[in-house]
């Protein structure tokens, strides 16, 4: 998982979906009974749980978007952390609501977790997994644009992925070679090849000092050198197999 749907519209839809689910769960399953709670009371209670679910998810989606914008990538670990944050906030806020004068719940925190929250997590998690996965399919296809960010504030380069030719190490900097109106240009930014490679997995390492975009590979010059678009680069013995797979 390398991407995330950061659309406010789509995440609002996800929040609305799970809030409706939470309303139906609370209203029809009636996970707790305290005295006599008629239908009108259960509607009132269920609406409260629904709103808690909706706003909790919106808060979590807001923070996930900040993280994604900063890192420019997503991972299984970050995805799991979203679920942990969502359920943690939901448990705290919903328990406060449960013990409020509206419901006047009598369960202690542990009993609340085991009797109510466990069922919610077991049923909601597969639905949430599916709808967040489906939300990735809703991301509109954009031109293959990437943004390379360095350590300095001015180290920003936004280009098409197809225009990126190669990246070479220059001590504490990397030099990025790219096409601009079919002319080869370069920009120096403070970063490392290791970081660049981890952020953009389409790049291939051919030398300890060079990464290339495989779409710009043209041919071998000899056993130690290759031609790429408007440039030639050395190839280390340890990285030859990478090129043979192109």
C-alpha atoms as a PDB file:
ATOM      1  CA  UNK A   1       0.000   0.000   0.000  1.00  0.00           C
ATOM      2  CA  UNK A   2       1.726   3.171  -1.206  1.00  0.00           C
ATOM      3  CA  UNK A   3      -1.178   5.542  -1.643  1.00  0.00           C
ATOM      4  CA  UNK A   4      -4.161   6.904   0.244  1.00  0.00           C
ATOM      5  CA  UNK A   5      -7.454   8.480  -0.725  1.00  0.00           C
ATOM      6  CA  UNK A   6      -7.240  11.948   0.833  1.00  0.00           C
ATOM      7  CA  UNK A   7     -10.425  13.235  -0.793  1.00  0.00           C
ATOM      8  CA  UNK A   8     -12.562  15.132   1.739  1.00  0.00           C
ATOM      9  CA  UNK A   9     -15.650  14.096  -0.206  1.00  0.00           C
ATOM     10  CA  UNK A  10     -14.794  10.385  -0.158  1.00  0.00           C
ATOM     11  CA  UNK A  11     -13.760  10.356   3.502  1.00  0.00           C
ATOM     12  CA  UNK A  12     -16.956  12.173   4.435  1.00  0.00           C
ATOM     13  CA  UNK A  13     -18.838   9.450   2.583  1.00  0.00           C
ATOM     14  CA  UNK A  14     -16.966   6.768   4.558  1.00  0.00           C
ATOM     15  CA  UNK A  15     -17.768   8.577   7.810  1.00  0.00           C
ATOM     16  CA  UNK A  16     -21.445   8.801   6.834  1.00  0.00           C
ATOM     17  CA  UNK A  17     -21.546   5.118   5.884  1.00  0.00           C
ATOM     18  CA  UNK A  18     -20.125   3.846   9.163  1.00  0.00           C
ATOM     19  CA  UNK A  19     -22.241   6.291  11.180  1.00  0.00           C
ATOM     20  CA  UNK A  20     -25.390   4.895   9.559  1.00  0.00           C
ATOM     21  CA  UNK A  21     -24.128   1.396  10.310  1.00  0.00           C
ATOM     22  CA  UNK A  22     -23.521   2.382  13.942  1.00  0.00           C
ATOM     23  CA  UNK A  23     -27.058   3.789  14.188  1.00  0.00           C
ATOM     24  CA  UNK A  24     -28.549   0.555  12.864  1.00  0.00           C
ATOM     25  CA  UNK A  25     -26.345  -1.552  15.136  1.00  0.00           C
ATOM     26  CA  UNK A  26     -27.318   0.392  18.265  1.00  0.00           C
ATOM     27  CA  UNK A  27     -31.022   0.601  17.380  1.00  0.00           C
ATOM     28  CA  UNK A  28     -31.659  -2.981  16.311  1.00  0.00           C
ATOM     29  CA  UNK A  29     -29.180  -4.958  18.430  1.00  0.00           C
ATOM     30  CA  UNK A  30     -29.777  -2.864  21.568  1.00  0.00           C
ATOM     31  CA  UNK A  31     -26.382  -3.817  23.050  1.00  0.00           C
ATOM     32  CA  UNK A  32     -27.372  -2.656  26.524  1.00  0.00           C
ATOM     33  CA  UNK A  33     -30.638  -2.393  28.418  1.00  0.00           C
ATOM     34  CA  UNK A  34     -31.023  -0.109  31.413  1.00  0.00           C
ATOM     35  CA  UNK A  35     -34.508   0.025  32.795  1.00  0.00           C
ATOM     36  CA  UNK A  36     -37.254   0.719  30.324  1.00  0.00           C
ATOM     37  CA  UNK A  37     -36.018   2.375  27.140  1.00  0.00           C
ATOM     38  CA  UNK A  38     -38.796   2.757  24.602  1.00  0.00           C
ATOM     39  CA  UNK A  39     -38.371   3.116  20.833  1.00  0.00           C
ATOM     40  CA  UNK A  40     -38.121   6.886  20.962  1.00  0.00           C
ATOM     41  CA  UNK A  41     -35.373   6.651  23.575  1.00  0.00           C
ATOM     42  CA  UNK A  42     -33.432   4.114  21.509  1.00  0.00           C
ATOM     43  CA  UNK A  43     -33.623   6.366  18.445  1.00  0.00           C
ATOM     44  CA  UNK A  44     -32.204   9.200  20.535  1.00  0.00           C
ATOM     45  CA  UNK A  45     -29.404   7.002  21.866  1.00  0.00           C
ATOM     46  CA  UNK A  46     -28.598   5.540  18.446  1.00  0.00           C
ATOM     47  CA  UNK A  47     -28.393   8.982  16.846  1.00  0.00           C
ATOM     48  CA  UNK A  48     -25.837   9.948  19.486  1.00  0.00           C
ATOM     49  CA  UNK A  49     -23.641   6.946  18.678  1.00  0.00           C
ATOM     50  CA  UNK A  50     -24.031   7.704  14.997  1.00  0.00           C
ATOM     51  CA  UNK A  51     -22.766  11.286  15.399  1.00  0.00           C
ATOM     52  CA  UNK A  52     -19.856  10.140  17.558  1.00  0.00           C
ATOM     53  CA  UNK A  53     -18.804   7.652  14.858  1.00  0.00           C
ATOM     54  CA  UNK A  54     -19.098  10.222  12.076  1.00  0.00           C
ATOM     55  CA  UNK A  55     -17.085  12.996  13.727  1.00  0.00           C
ATOM     56  CA  UNK A  56     -14.491  10.588  15.107  1.00  0.00           C
ATOM     57  CA  UNK A  57     -13.786   9.296  11.613  1.00  0.00           C
ATOM     58  CA  UNK A  58     -13.566  12.835  10.198  1.00  0.00           C
ATOM     59  CA  UNK A  59     -10.996  13.764  12.851  1.00  0.00           C
ATOM     60  CA  UNK A  60      -8.949  10.662  12.084  1.00  0.00           C
ATOM     61  CA  UNK A  61      -9.123  11.252   8.311  1.00  0.00           C
ATOM     62  CA  UNK A  62      -7.939  14.844   8.855  1.00  0.00           C
ATOM     63  CA  UNK A  63      -4.824  13.653  10.702  1.00  0.00           C
ATOM     64  CA  UNK A  64      -4.137  10.824   8.233  1.00  0.00           C
ATOM     65  CA  UNK A  65      -4.149  13.369   5.412  1.00  0.00           C
ATOM     66  CA  UNK A  66      -1.583  15.501   7.261  1.00  0.00           C
ATOM     67  CA  UNK A  67       0.688  12.480   7.710  1.00  0.00           C
ATOM     68  CA  UNK A  68       0.286  11.396   4.091  1.00  0.00           C
ATOM     69  CA  UNK A  69       1.017  14.908   2.821  1.00  0.00           C
ATOM     70  CA  UNK A  70       4.182  15.026   4.899  1.00  0.00           C
ATOM     71  CA  UNK A  71       5.486  11.552   4.017  1.00  0.00           C
ATOM     72  CA  UNK A  72       4.166  11.390   0.424  1.00  0.00           C
ATOM     73  CA  UNK A  73       3.481   7.669   0.908  1.00  0.00           C
ATOM     74  CA  UNK A  74       1.349   5.247   2.899  1.00  0.00           C
ATOM     75  CA  UNK A  75       2.033   1.868   4.463  1.00  0.00           C
ATOM     76  CA  UNK A  76       0.326  -1.040   6.230  1.00  0.00           C
ATOM     77  CA  UNK A  77       1.702   0.235   9.537  1.00  0.00           C
ATOM     78  CA  UNK A  78       0.154   3.674   9.000  1.00  0.00           C
ATOM     79  CA  UNK A  79      -3.127   2.074   7.922  1.00  0.00           C
ATOM     80  CA  UNK A  80      -3.232   0.013  11.127  1.00  0.00           C
ATOM     81  CA  UNK A  81      -2.447   3.127  13.166  1.00  0.00           C
ATOM     82  CA  UNK A  82      -5.546   4.804  11.662  1.00  0.00           C
ATOM     83  CA  UNK A  83      -7.740   1.992  12.999  1.00  0.00           C
ATOM     84  CA  UNK A  84      -6.092   2.159  16.422  1.00  0.00           C
ATOM     85  CA  UNK A  85      -6.607   5.928  16.602  1.00  0.00           C
ATOM     86  CA  UNK A  86     -10.190   5.692  15.369  1.00  0.00           C
ATOM     87  CA  UNK A  87     -11.226   3.015  17.847  1.00  0.00           C
ATOM     88  CA  UNK A  88      -9.348   4.684  20.724  1.00  0.00           C
ATOM     89  CA  UNK A  89     -11.174   7.978  20.188  1.00  0.00           C
ATOM     90  CA  UNK A  90     -14.476   6.229  19.597  1.00  0.00           C
ATOM     91  CA  UNK A  91     -14.194   4.193  22.808  1.00  0.00           C
ATOM     92  CA  UNK A  92     -13.360   7.202  24.972  1.00  0.00           C
ATOM     93  CA  UNK A  93     -16.042   9.492  23.575  1.00  0.00           C
ATOM     94  CA  UNK A  94     -18.749   6.823  23.324  1.00  0.00           C
ATOM     95  CA  UNK A  95     -18.079   5.644  26.884  1.00  0.00           C
ATOM     96  CA  UNK A  96     -18.459   9.210  28.147  1.00  0.00           C
ATOM     97  CA  UNK A  97     -21.772   9.374  26.244  1.00  0.00           C
ATOM     98  CA  UNK A  98     -22.812   5.998  27.654  1.00  0.00           C
ATOM     99  CA  UNK A  99     -22.214   7.160  31.239  1.00  0.00           C
ATOM    100  CA  UNK A 100     -23.884  10.544  30.634  1.00  0.00           C
ATOM    101  CA  UNK A 101     -27.370  11.482  31.809  1.00  0.00           C
ATOM    102  CA  UNK A 102     -28.734  10.569  28.372  1.00  0.00           C
ATOM    103  CA  UNK A 103     -28.125   6.822  28.781  1.00  0.00           C
ATOM    104  CA  UNK A 104     -27.125   6.592  32.426  1.00  0.00           C
ATOM    105  CA  UNK A 105     -25.106   3.455  31.721  1.00  0.00           C
ATOM    106  CA  UNK A 106     -24.176   1.193  34.605  1.00  0.00           C
ATOM    107  CA  UNK A 107     -21.372  -0.834  32.989  1.00  0.00           C
ATOM    108  CA  UNK A 108     -17.837  -0.199  34.157  1.00  0.00           C
ATOM    109  CA  UNK A 109     -15.213   0.549  31.513  1.00  0.00           C
ATOM    110  CA  UNK A 110     -13.998  -3.063  31.203  1.00  0.00           C
ATOM    111  CA  UNK A 111     -17.526  -4.453  30.929  1.00  0.00           C
ATOM    112  CA  UNK A 112     -18.351  -1.765  28.372  1.00  0.00           C
ATOM    113  CA  UNK A 113     -15.387  -2.879  26.283  1.00  0.00           C
ATOM    114  CA  UNK A 114     -16.205  -6.584  26.447  1.00  0.00           C
ATOM    115  CA  UNK A 115     -19.984  -6.355  26.128  1.00  0.00           C
ATOM    116  CA  UNK A 116     -20.383  -3.563  23.585  1.00  0.00           C
ATOM    117  CA  UNK A 117     -17.154  -2.379  21.942  1.00  0.00           C
ATOM    118  CA  UNK A 118     -15.811  -5.859  21.121  1.00  0.00           C
ATOM    119  CA  UNK A 119     -18.900  -6.608  19.014  1.00  0.00           C
ATOM    120  CA  UNK A 120     -18.660  -3.252  17.271  1.00  0.00           C
ATOM    121  CA  UNK A 121     -14.995  -3.802  16.388  1.00  0.00           C
ATOM    122  CA  UNK A 122     -15.554  -7.356  15.123  1.00  0.00           C
ATOM    123  CA  UNK A 123     -18.411  -6.331  12.838  1.00  0.00           C
ATOM    124  CA  UNK A 124     -17.292  -2.845  11.787  1.00  0.00           C
ATOM    125  CA  UNK A 125     -13.623  -3.554  11.005  1.00  0.00           C
ATOM    126  CA  UNK A 126     -14.220  -5.749   7.907  1.00  0.00           C
ATOM    127  CA  UNK A 127     -16.679  -3.154   6.578  1.00  0.00           C
ATOM    128  CA  UNK A 128     -14.208  -0.351   7.224  1.00  0.00           C
ATOM    129  CA  UNK A 129     -11.404  -2.318   5.555  1.00  0.00           C
ATOM    130  CA  UNK A 130     -13.525  -2.885   2.480  1.00  0.00           C
ATOM    131  CA  UNK A 131     -14.813   0.670   2.114  1.00  0.00           C
ATOM    132  CA  UNK A 132     -11.359   2.219   2.618  1.00  0.00           C
ATOM    133  CA  UNK A 133      -9.958  -0.182   0.015  1.00  0.00           C
ATOM    134  CA  UNK A 134     -12.807   0.681  -2.342  1.00  0.00           C
ATOM    135  CA  UNK A 135     -12.131   4.399  -1.782  1.00  0.00           C
ATOM    136  CA  UNK A 136      -8.723   3.909  -3.434  1.00  0.00           C
ATOM    137  CA  UNK A 137     -10.547   2.868  -6.598  1.00  0.00           C
ATOM    138  CA  UNK A 138     -12.405   6.180  -6.561  1.00  0.00           C
ATOM    139  CA  UNK A 139      -9.216   8.245  -6.825  1.00  0.00           C
ATOM    140  CA  UNK A 140      -9.344   9.918 -10.233  1.00  0.00           C
ATOM    141  CA  UNK A 141      -6.518   8.938 -12.554  1.00  0.00           C
ATOM    142  CA  UNK A 142      -4.102  11.808 -12.785  1.00  0.00           C
ATOM    143  CA  UNK A 143      -1.167  12.461 -15.031  1.00  0.00           C
ATOM    144  CA  UNK A 144       1.886  10.714 -13.603  1.00  0.00           C
ATOM    145  CA  UNK A 145       3.037  13.676 -11.530  1.00  0.00           C
ATOM    146  CA  UNK A 146       5.419  13.318  -8.604  1.00  0.00           C
ATOM    147  CA  UNK A 147       6.791  15.817  -6.089  1.00  0.00           C
ATOM    148  CA  UNK A 148      10.353  15.357  -4.860  1.00  0.00           C
ATOM    149  CA  UNK A 149      11.040  17.149  -1.588  1.00  0.00           C
ATOM    150  CA  UNK A 150      14.452  17.713  -0.016  1.00  0.00           C
ATOM    151  CA  UNK A 151      15.585  18.834   3.420  1.00  0.00           C
ATOM    152  CA  UNK A 152      15.630  22.539   2.616  1.00  0.00           C
ATOM    153  CA  UNK A 153      12.426  24.558   2.212  1.00  0.00           C
ATOM    154  CA  UNK A 154      13.225  25.429  -1.403  1.00  0.00           C
ATOM    155  CA  UNK A 155      14.086  21.829  -2.292  1.00  0.00           C
ATOM    156  CA  UNK A 156      10.867  21.030  -4.139  1.00  0.00           C
ATOM    157  CA  UNK A 157      10.598  19.651  -7.656  1.00  0.00           C
ATOM    158  CA  UNK A 158       7.243  18.765  -9.214  1.00  0.00           C
ATOM    159  CA  UNK A 159       7.510  16.892 -12.494  1.00  0.00           C
ATOM    160  CA  UNK A 160       5.843  14.130 -14.464  1.00  0.00           C
ATOM    161  CA  UNK A 161       7.101  10.704 -13.524  1.00  0.00           C
ATOM    162  CA  UNK A 162       7.705  10.017 -17.199  1.00  0.00           C
ATOM    163  CA  UNK A 163      10.017  13.073 -17.414  1.00  0.00           C
ATOM    164  CA  UNK A 164      12.289  11.911 -14.594  1.00  0.00           C
ATOM    165  CA  UNK A 165      15.404  10.449 -16.228  1.00  0.00           C
ATOM    166  CA  UNK A 166      17.802   9.648 -13.404  1.00  0.00           C
ATOM    167  CA  UNK A 167      19.097  10.741 -10.016  1.00  0.00           C
ATOM    168  CA  UNK A 168      22.749  10.886  -9.046  1.00  0.00           C
ATOM    169  CA  UNK A 169      24.429  11.215  -5.678  1.00  0.00           C
ATOM    170  CA  UNK A 170      26.442  14.378  -4.989  1.00  0.00           C
ATOM    171  CA  UNK A 171      27.818  14.035  -1.440  1.00  0.00           C
ATOM    172  CA  UNK A 172      25.024  15.383   0.822  1.00  0.00           C
ATOM    173  CA  UNK A 173      22.852  16.198  -2.183  1.00  0.00           C
ATOM    174  CA  UNK A 174      21.268  14.426  -5.115  1.00  0.00           C
ATOM    175  CA  UNK A 175      21.109  15.783  -8.633  1.00  0.00           C
ATOM    176  CA  UNK A 176      17.821  15.103 -10.366  1.00  0.00           C
ATOM    177  CA  UNK A 177      17.882  14.925 -14.151  1.00  0.00           C
ATOM    178  CA  UNK A 178      14.585  15.483 -15.937  1.00  0.00           C
ATOM    179  CA  UNK A 179      13.152  16.487 -19.292  1.00  0.00           C
ATOM    180  CA  UNK A 180      11.703  19.935 -19.826  1.00  0.00           C
ATOM    181  CA  UNK A 181      10.278  20.348 -23.335  1.00  0.00           C
ATOM    182  CA  UNK A 182      12.524  17.464 -24.430  1.00  0.00           C
ATOM    183  CA  UNK A 183      15.643  19.178 -23.041  1.00  0.00           C
ATOM    184  CA  UNK A 184      17.590  17.523 -20.247  1.00  0.00           C
ATOM    185  CA  UNK A 185      17.794  19.691 -17.139  1.00  0.00           C
ATOM    186  CA  UNK A 186      18.843  19.081 -13.561  1.00  0.00           C
ATOM    187  CA  UNK A 187      18.137  20.286 -10.052  1.00  0.00           C
ATOM    188  CA  UNK A 188      20.254  19.809  -6.955  1.00  0.00           C
ATOM    189  CA  UNK A 189      18.410  19.107  -3.689  1.00  0.00           C
ATOM    190  CA  UNK A 190      19.579  18.096  -0.239  1.00  0.00           C
ATOM    191  CA  UNK A 191      18.580  14.457   0.189  1.00  0.00           C
ATOM    192  CA  UNK A 192      19.980  10.958  -0.231  1.00  0.00           C
ATOM    193  CA  UNK A 193      19.633   8.217  -2.833  1.00  0.00           C
ATOM    194  CA  UNK A 194      18.408   5.835  -0.133  1.00  0.00           C
ATOM    195  CA  UNK A 195      15.524   8.123   0.780  1.00  0.00           C
ATOM    196  CA  UNK A 196      14.637   8.812  -2.853  1.00  0.00           C
ATOM    197  CA  UNK A 197      14.643   5.108  -3.676  1.00  0.00           C
ATOM    198  CA  UNK A 198      12.386   4.258  -0.704  1.00  0.00           C
ATOM    199  CA  UNK A 199       9.902   6.987  -1.686  1.00  0.00           C
ATOM    200  CA  UNK A 200       9.761   6.163  -5.420  1.00  0.00           C
ATOM    201  CA  UNK A 201       9.892   2.415  -5.910  1.00  0.00           C
ATOM    202  CA  UNK A 202       9.682   2.605  -9.712  1.00  0.00           C
ATOM    203  CA  UNK A 203      13.337   3.727  -9.806  1.00  0.00           C
ATOM    204  CA  UNK A 204      16.102   1.185 -10.386  1.00  0.00           C
ATOM    205  CA  UNK A 205      19.540   1.400  -8.797  1.00  0.00           C
ATOM    206  CA  UNK A 206      22.364   0.725 -11.275  1.00  0.00           C
ATOM    207  CA  UNK A 207      25.257   2.031  -9.220  1.00  0.00           C
ATOM    208  CA  UNK A 208      25.799   3.128  -5.646  1.00  0.00           C
ATOM    209  CA  UNK A 209      25.624   6.709  -6.952  1.00  0.00           C
ATOM    210  CA  UNK A 210      22.883   6.422  -9.579  1.00  0.00           C
ATOM    211  CA  UNK A 211      19.179   5.634  -9.871  1.00  0.00           C
ATOM    212  CA  UNK A 212      17.389   5.568 -13.212  1.00  0.00           C
ATOM    213  CA  UNK A 213      13.833   5.617 -14.424  1.00  0.00           C
ATOM    214  CA  UNK A 214      13.720   2.341 -16.399  1.00  0.00           C
ATOM    215  CA  UNK A 215      11.472   3.883 -19.040  1.00  0.00           C
ATOM    216  CA  UNK A 216      14.480   5.971 -20.145  1.00  0.00           C
ATOM    217  CA  UNK A 217      16.829   3.024 -20.595  1.00  0.00           C
ATOM    218  CA  UNK A 218      17.961   2.841 -24.247  1.00  0.00           C
ATOM    219  CA  UNK A 219      20.767   0.320 -24.593  1.00  0.00           C
ATOM    220  CA  UNK A 220      24.070  -0.987 -23.317  1.00  0.00           C
ATOM    221  CA  UNK A 221      27.149   0.889 -24.506  1.00  0.00           C
ATOM    222  CA  UNK A 222      29.439  -1.808 -23.151  1.00  0.00           C
ATOM    223  CA  UNK A 223      29.480  -4.197 -20.199  1.00  0.00           C
ATOM    224  CA  UNK A 224      29.933  -1.354 -17.712  1.00  0.00           C
ATOM    225  CA  UNK A 225      27.956   1.529 -19.224  1.00  0.00           C
ATOM    226  CA  UNK A 226      24.432   2.187 -20.455  1.00  0.00           C
ATOM    227  CA  UNK A 227      22.757   4.813 -22.556  1.00  0.00           C
ATOM    228  CA  UNK A 228      19.683   6.513 -21.157  1.00  0.00           C
ATOM    229  CA  UNK A 229      17.830   9.512 -22.539  1.00  0.00           C
ATOM    230  CA  UNK A 230      20.448  12.159 -23.414  1.00  0.00           C
ATOM    231  CA  UNK A 231      22.950  10.678 -20.976  1.00  0.00           C
ATOM    232  CA  UNK A 232      25.183   7.700 -20.238  1.00  0.00           C
ATOM    233  CA  UNK A 233      25.883   6.206 -16.834  1.00  0.00           C
ATOM    234  CA  UNK A 234      28.161   3.560 -15.304  1.00  0.00           C
ATOM    235  CA  UNK A 235      26.699   0.264 -14.102  1.00  0.00           C
ATOM    236  CA  UNK A 236      28.084  -1.607 -11.101  1.00  0.00           C
ATOM    237  CA  UNK A 237      28.461  -5.356 -11.285  1.00  0.00           C
ATOM    238  CA  UNK A 238      26.206  -5.800  -8.237  1.00  0.00           C
ATOM    239  CA  UNK A 239      23.308  -4.038  -9.947  1.00  0.00           C
ATOM    240  CA  UNK A 240      23.456  -5.545 -13.448  1.00  0.00           C
ATOM    241  CA  UNK A 241      20.683  -8.027 -12.758  1.00  0.00           C
ATOM    242  CA  UNK A 242      18.321  -5.122 -12.132  1.00  0.00           C
ATOM    243  CA  UNK A 243      18.775  -3.967 -15.724  1.00  0.00           C
ATOM    244  CA  UNK A 244      18.462  -7.441 -17.234  1.00  0.00           C
ATOM    245  CA  UNK A 245      14.892  -7.549 -15.893  1.00  0.00           C
ATOM    246  CA  UNK A 246      13.805  -4.467 -17.843  1.00  0.00           C
END
